[in-house]
Protein backbone atom coordinates (compact mmCIF):
# COMPACT_ATOMS: atom_id res chain seq x y z
CA MET A 1 30.62 21.86 -41.03
CA PRO A 2 27.83 19.40 -42.08
CA ALA A 3 29.96 16.51 -40.78
CA ILE A 4 30.17 18.11 -37.31
CA ALA A 5 26.39 18.67 -37.26
CA SER A 6 25.85 15.02 -38.22
CA ILE A 7 28.17 13.85 -35.42
CA LYS A 8 26.36 16.08 -32.90
CA LYS A 9 22.96 14.68 -33.97
CA LYS A 10 24.20 11.09 -33.65
CA TRP A 11 25.72 11.87 -30.22
CA LEU A 12 22.47 13.49 -29.04
CA ALA A 13 20.38 10.58 -30.34
CA THR A 14 22.66 8.04 -28.66
CA THR A 15 22.66 9.97 -25.37
CA ALA A 16 18.86 10.32 -25.43
CA ALA A 17 18.40 6.62 -26.17
CA ALA A 18 20.76 5.65 -23.35
CA THR A 19 18.97 7.97 -20.92
CA LEU A 20 15.53 6.65 -21.86
CA GLY A 21 16.81 3.07 -21.65
CA THR A 22 18.11 3.71 -18.16
CA ILE A 23 14.78 5.23 -17.09
CA PHE A 24 12.78 2.31 -18.49
CA LEU A 25 15.10 -0.28 -16.96
CA GLY A 26 14.91 1.52 -13.64
CA ALA A 27 11.12 1.51 -13.77
CA ALA A 28 11.08 -2.20 -14.64
CA ALA A 29 13.43 -2.95 -11.75
CA MET A 30 11.20 -0.94 -9.41
CA ALA A 31 8.16 -2.97 -10.42
CA ALA A 32 9.63 -6.36 -9.57
CA VAL A 33 12.04 -6.91 -6.71
CA PRO A 34 11.09 -10.43 -5.58
CA ASN A 35 14.25 -11.13 -3.55
CA ALA A 36 14.39 -7.78 -1.76
CA PRO A 37 13.33 -7.86 1.89
CA PRO A 38 9.85 -6.59 2.69
CA SER A 39 9.84 -2.97 3.77
CA ILE A 40 7.47 -0.06 4.28
CA LEU A 41 8.10 3.66 4.62
CA VAL A 42 5.53 6.27 5.58
CA PHE A 43 6.27 9.87 6.53
CA ASN A 44 4.20 12.21 8.67
CA GLN A 45 1.57 13.81 6.47
CA LYS A 46 -1.36 16.16 6.15
CA VAL A 47 -4.52 14.53 4.87
CA THR A 48 -7.70 15.73 3.31
CA GLY A 49 -10.49 13.29 3.93
CA ALA A 50 -9.81 9.69 4.86
CA THR A 51 -6.99 8.74 2.48
CA ILE A 52 -3.34 8.41 3.54
CA SER A 53 -0.22 7.93 1.42
CA ILE A 54 2.33 5.16 1.80
CA ASP A 55 5.59 6.55 0.44
CA TYR A 56 7.23 3.20 -0.36
CA ALA A 57 6.43 -0.48 0.10
CA ASN A 58 8.17 -3.63 -1.09
CA ILE A 59 6.49 -6.98 -0.62
CA PRO A 60 7.81 -10.30 -1.98
CA VAL A 61 4.31 -11.78 -2.50
CA ASP A 62 0.84 -10.46 -3.24
CA GLY A 63 -0.71 -8.98 -0.12
CA TYR A 64 -1.89 -5.87 1.65
CA VAL A 65 -0.74 -2.60 3.14
CA VAL A 66 -2.68 -2.24 6.39
CA VAL A 67 -3.04 0.94 8.47
CA TYR A 68 -3.76 0.68 12.20
CA ALA A 69 -4.85 3.13 14.84
CA ALA A 70 -2.62 3.91 17.81
CA ASP A 71 -3.59 4.16 21.48
CA GLU A 72 -3.03 7.25 23.64
CA ASN A 73 0.60 6.13 24.20
CA GLY A 74 1.26 5.86 20.46
CA LYS A 75 1.35 2.04 20.44
CA ARG A 76 -0.38 0.15 17.66
CA THR A 77 -3.84 -1.17 18.43
CA GLY A 78 -5.36 -4.24 16.84
CA LYS A 79 -7.90 -2.10 14.99
CA ALA A 80 -7.23 -1.89 11.26
CA LEU A 81 -8.48 1.43 9.87
CA GLY A 82 -7.93 0.55 6.22
CA SER A 83 -6.04 -1.61 3.76
CA ALA A 84 -5.05 -1.73 0.12
CA ALA A 85 -4.26 -4.81 -1.96
CA ILE A 86 -0.83 -4.75 -3.62
CA LYS A 87 0.98 -7.08 -5.99
CA ALA A 88 4.43 -8.48 -5.26
CA GLY A 89 7.17 -5.92 -5.93
CA SER A 90 8.05 -2.35 -5.09
CA HIS A 91 5.49 0.42 -4.95
CA ILE A 92 5.72 4.19 -4.57
CA ASP A 93 2.99 6.58 -3.39
CA LEU A 94 0.28 4.06 -2.54
CA LYS A 95 -3.08 5.37 -1.38
CA VAL A 96 -5.00 3.69 1.46
CA ASP A 97 -8.59 4.65 2.17
CA LEU A 98 -9.42 4.61 5.88
CA THR A 99 -12.80 3.94 7.47
CA VAL A 100 -12.58 7.26 9.36
CA ALA A 101 -10.72 10.47 8.62
CA PRO A 102 -7.75 10.79 11.00
CA LYS A 103 -7.52 13.95 13.07
CA PRO A 104 -4.39 16.11 13.20
CA GLY A 105 -2.02 14.73 15.82
CA ALA A 106 -3.27 11.16 15.41
CA ALA A 107 -0.58 8.47 15.39
CA LEU A 108 -1.05 5.64 12.90
CA TRP A 109 0.90 2.50 12.00
CA ALA A 110 1.37 0.86 8.59
CA SER A 111 2.40 -2.76 8.01
CA LEU A 112 2.46 -5.43 5.28
CA TYR A 113 0.54 -8.69 5.17
CA LYS A 114 0.69 -11.75 2.89
CA ASP A 115 -2.56 -12.83 1.30
CA ARG A 116 -2.72 -16.31 2.84
CA ASP A 117 -6.42 -17.14 2.73
CA GLY A 118 -6.99 -16.51 -0.99
CA GLU A 119 -10.03 -14.39 -0.18
CA GLU A 120 -10.49 -10.91 -1.58
CA GLY A 121 -9.79 -8.17 0.94
CA PHE A 122 -7.64 -8.08 4.07
CA ASP A 123 -8.63 -10.56 6.80
CA PRO A 124 -6.66 -10.27 10.05
CA LYS A 125 -7.51 -13.89 10.90
CA GLY A 126 -6.50 -15.41 7.56
CA ASP A 127 -3.79 -13.11 6.21
CA LYS A 128 -0.37 -13.13 7.89
CA PRO A 129 2.29 -10.44 8.50
CA VAL A 130 5.22 -10.68 6.08
CA TRP A 131 7.65 -10.58 9.02
CA THR A 132 7.83 -13.66 11.21
CA LYS A 133 10.16 -12.58 14.03
CA LEU A 134 10.16 -8.82 14.33
CA PRO A 135 6.97 -7.04 13.31
CA MET A 136 8.23 -4.33 11.00
CA GLN A 137 5.88 -1.42 10.84
CA ASN A 138 6.14 2.25 10.33
CA ALA A 139 4.59 4.75 12.74
CA PHE A 140 3.60 8.15 11.41
CA THR A 141 1.62 11.15 12.56
CA ILE A 142 -1.16 13.08 10.88
CA GLN A 143 -0.26 16.78 10.85
């Protein structure tokens, strides 16, 4: 019987180590995906105050997540409401502080920009969108 208990302990230890290894490798892979295409995903959300959540973003270079207002037709305006600096790689559940609290029903847009001017903070004149041909952005609504 002691031999069976010893085998079970070794099996459990090996299984636990393999599981933890997979989790840590997965987290490391999530942190750095330099060759993955840039992407951003934001779902409709309820907010308290002036902070919104970006569900997922992947950017190949250091840059910014930028949130824009929408006009009465739901199209993106040129007015940035807030931005957050992010390092190259994949990010989950980013927070972006806005200059004004969005009202329920407001449509917003999120996009990614490369830090091209080397200055701290997002600058719409110096920093460039990560997409060159098709501006990829994600529209979402405040509930």
